[in-house]
Structure formats: structure tokens, C-alpha cells
Amino acid sequence: MHFSSDDLVCRIACNLEQVHTAEEAMRAWLPLVSELQPVSAAFEAAHPDGLRRGYLADLLVVSPLPEDGAGGGSTRSRLLATVEALAARLGLDPAGFVADEDGVGGVLDVKDENDGSPYGAYLILALTGADPLNPGGEEMDYEDTGEDLL
């Protein structure tokens, strides 16, 4: 996917540990998905041998950065304003967001499981103009067999 340089692209990771069925998880996430309208969403049951329990969601949300305004706001301040609103919506403390050196991206990682959101959000990755997990925008299809990794 290609994004504008004025888009804030966020990956939101959620984990609902207390639900027992996919139907329960989807009902819990439906209001959030309806409101945020992600361009991509993936839902799955946590692997039984993994670190997480219950159900997982990965949402790719694209939001326009607020206008510069009369004060000539920097990209960093525009990024922080957008992430703060998203974090508050998710029930997370926006003070935990750590911006990168350039002020064009960052991460909010919830370390304390007691600080969870009602949607189980525990991670927000944000980057201006690109997917935080694929900043180059290239296709993620590899033709190599991977034998050299064995």
C-alpha cells in the first residue's frame, strides 16, 4: 500500500485473553473496528504454545495528520496529537508513547498488563507516510527457498 506523507499509519495490536470464542472476541472489537475503519484487519486465535492467550487482532489504521495551523506545528507535534487521541480512544496512557529521533514515528508499548484497554490493545506502532512494519513499501513476497537459514 502507498500512503501520503500527511498520513499517520498505525499498527494496533490487541489481545483479549478473557474471551473463549471467536464470536466473543469479534463482538468486543466490533465497536472499535467500526469507529477506526482500518484499511486492514487480521484476527486469529492465539497459538496454544505462544506467549499470548485468547484472541489477537492486528489493525492497520490510517489517519490524516492534523493541519499545521497558525502556529506552524511540527510533524512531531502533529504526530503526538494524533497518537494521543488514538491512545485515549483505546484506553491507553498516551504518555507512554515514545517518538523516534526525527519525530515521524514511534511506539506505545504497554508493559504492565494491568494498564490494558477494554479492547486489549497493548501496542501501537506509528509512522508518518508508511506502514511501520513495512516502511519501504515493497512487496513482502520472497522467492528464495530459505535454505541458507537452516
Protein backbone atom coordinates (compact mmCIF):
# COMPACT_ATOMS: atom_id res chain seq x y z
CA MET A 1 0.00 0.00 0.00
CA HIS A 2 1.11 3.54 -0.67
CA PHE A 3 0.39 6.35 1.75
CA SER A 4 0.59 10.13 1.60
CA SER A 5 3.31 11.94 3.52
CA ASP A 6 0.46 13.54 5.53
CA ASP A 7 -0.93 10.15 6.61
CA LEU A 8 -0.20 8.69 10.01
CA VAL A 9 -0.15 4.92 9.62
CA CYS A 10 -0.64 2.93 12.83
CA ARG A 11 -0.45 -0.77 13.59
CA ILE A 12 -2.55 -1.58 16.63
CA ALA A 13 -2.07 -4.94 18.33
CA CYS A 14 -4.82 -6.22 20.62
CA ASN A 15 -5.15 -9.32 22.78
CA LEU A 16 -8.35 -10.34 24.52
CA GLU A 17 -7.28 -13.04 26.96
CA GLN A 18 -10.57 -13.47 28.83
CA VAL A 19 -12.76 -14.44 25.87
CA HIS A 20 -13.34 -18.07 24.98
CA THR A 21 -14.78 -17.91 21.48
CA ALA A 22 -14.08 -16.03 18.28
CA GLU A 23 -17.64 -14.70 18.42
CA GLU A 24 -16.99 -13.08 21.83
CA ALA A 25 -13.77 -11.50 20.55
CA MET A 26 -15.41 -10.12 17.42
CA ARG A 27 -18.29 -8.66 19.41
CA ALA A 28 -15.82 -6.94 21.74
CA TRP A 29 -13.79 -5.49 18.84
CA LEU A 30 -16.72 -4.53 16.58
CA PRO A 31 -17.28 -1.02 18.05
CA LEU A 32 -13.57 -0.23 17.73
CA VAL A 33 -13.32 -1.55 14.17
CA SER A 34 -16.48 0.33 13.17
CA GLU A 35 -15.11 3.57 14.57
CA LEU A 36 -11.50 3.36 13.39
CA GLN A 37 -12.32 1.81 9.99
CA PRO A 38 -8.93 0.11 9.49
CA VAL A 39 -7.65 -0.39 5.94
CA SER A 40 -6.58 -3.86 7.00
CA ALA A 41 -7.54 -6.12 9.90
CA ALA A 42 -6.42 -9.60 10.90
CA PHE A 43 -8.00 -11.66 13.68
CA GLU A 44 -6.81 -15.00 14.99
CA ALA A 45 -6.79 -17.29 17.98
CA ALA A 46 -3.56 -17.14 19.96
CA HIS A 47 -1.35 -20.16 19.42
CA PRO A 48 -1.65 -22.57 22.38
CA ASP A 49 2.15 -22.68 22.80
CA GLY A 50 2.61 -18.93 22.42
CA LEU A 51 3.04 -16.12 24.91
CA ARG A 52 -0.50 -14.82 24.46
CA ARG A 53 -3.85 -16.39 25.28
CA GLY A 54 -7.32 -15.83 23.87
CA TYR A 55 -7.71 -13.91 20.61
CA LEU A 56 -5.47 -11.46 18.75
CA ALA A 57 -6.21 -8.57 16.42
CA ASP A 58 -3.87 -6.57 14.19
CA LEU A 59 -5.40 -3.36 12.81
CA LEU A 60 -3.81 -1.09 10.21
CA VAL A 61 -5.31 2.37 10.72
CA VAL A 62 -4.57 5.39 8.53
CA SER A 63 -5.38 8.88 9.81
CA PRO A 64 -4.59 12.25 8.30
CA LEU A 65 -2.23 14.32 10.41
CA PRO A 66 -3.90 17.49 11.69
CA GLU A 67 -3.23 20.66 9.74
CA ASP A 68 -0.19 22.74 10.67
CA GLY A 69 -2.44 25.52 11.91
CA ALA A 70 -1.45 29.10 12.51
CA GLY A 71 1.28 28.04 14.93
CA GLY A 72 3.12 26.11 12.21
CA GLY A 73 3.08 22.85 14.15
CA SER A 74 5.96 20.49 13.50
CA THR A 75 5.49 16.97 12.19
CA ARG A 76 6.40 15.77 15.69
CA SER A 77 3.63 17.81 17.38
CA ARG A 78 1.11 16.73 14.72
CA LEU A 79 2.16 13.09 15.24
CA LEU A 80 1.81 13.37 19.01
CA ALA A 81 -1.64 14.98 18.77
CA THR A 82 -2.92 12.16 16.54
CA VAL A 83 -1.37 9.36 18.62
CA GLU A 84 -2.64 10.88 21.87
CA ALA A 85 -6.21 10.87 20.55
CA LEU A 86 -5.88 7.27 19.33
CA ALA A 87 -4.31 6.08 22.60
CA ALA A 88 -7.04 7.76 24.63
CA ARG A 89 -9.69 6.07 22.43
CA LEU A 90 -8.04 2.71 23.10
CA GLY A 91 -7.94 3.34 26.84
CA LEU A 92 -4.15 3.63 26.94
CA ASP A 93 -1.95 6.25 28.57
CA PRO A 94 -0.61 8.45 25.75
CA ALA A 95 2.34 9.48 27.95
CA GLY A 96 3.87 6.06 27.19
CA PHE A 97 4.34 6.94 23.51
CA VAL A 98 8.00 7.26 22.55
CA ALA A 99 8.65 9.18 19.32
CA ASP A 100 11.70 8.48 17.17
CA GLU A 101 14.55 10.99 16.72
CA ASP A 102 13.01 12.52 13.60
CA GLY A 103 9.55 12.87 15.14
CA VAL A 104 7.90 11.00 12.27
CA GLY A 105 7.05 7.78 14.09
CA GLY A 106 7.19 5.97 17.37
CA VAL A 107 5.81 3.26 19.61
CA LEU A 108 3.49 2.92 22.57
CA ASP A 109 4.14 -0.41 24.25
CA VAL A 110 2.07 -1.30 27.31
CA LYS A 111 4.47 -3.07 29.66
CA ASP A 112 2.10 -3.51 32.59
CA GLU A 113 -0.74 -5.89 31.82
CA ASN A 114 -2.91 -4.10 34.40
CA ASP A 115 -2.81 -0.95 32.22
CA GLY A 116 -4.82 -2.62 29.48
CA SER A 117 -7.56 -1.19 27.38
CA PRO A 118 -11.10 -2.55 27.10
CA TYR A 119 -10.07 -3.84 23.66
CA GLY A 120 -6.88 -5.49 24.89
CA ALA A 121 -4.69 -3.00 22.99
CA TYR A 122 -1.08 -3.39 24.06
CA LEU A 123 0.97 -1.96 21.19
CA ILE A 124 0.72 0.98 18.80
CA LEU A 125 3.36 1.37 16.12
CA ALA A 126 3.11 4.67 14.26
CA LEU A 127 4.91 6.07 11.20
CA THR A 128 4.20 9.09 9.05
CA GLY A 129 3.66 8.17 5.40
CA ALA A 130 4.43 4.44 5.60
CA ASP A 131 3.44 1.17 7.25
CA PRO A 132 5.58 0.85 10.41
CA LEU A 133 6.11 -2.86 9.70
CA ASN A 134 7.00 -2.26 6.05
CA PRO A 135 8.40 1.28 5.75
CA GLY A 136 9.94 0.67 2.31
CA GLY A 137 6.55 -0.26 0.89
CA GLU A 138 7.99 -3.15 -1.12
CA GLU A 139 6.10 -6.37 -1.66
CA MET A 140 6.75 -8.90 1.07
CA ASP A 141 6.96 -11.91 -1.26
CA TYR A 142 10.30 -13.70 -1.33
CA GLU A 143 11.26 -16.21 -3.99
CA ASP A 144 14.29 -17.58 -2.12
CA THR A 145 13.90 -21.07 -0.69
CA GLY A 146 15.42 -20.08 2.65
CA GLU A 147 17.88 -23.00 2.64
CA ASP A 148 20.65 -20.66 3.80
CA LEU A 149 18.70 -20.07 7.01
CA LEU A 150 18.71 -23.74 8.00
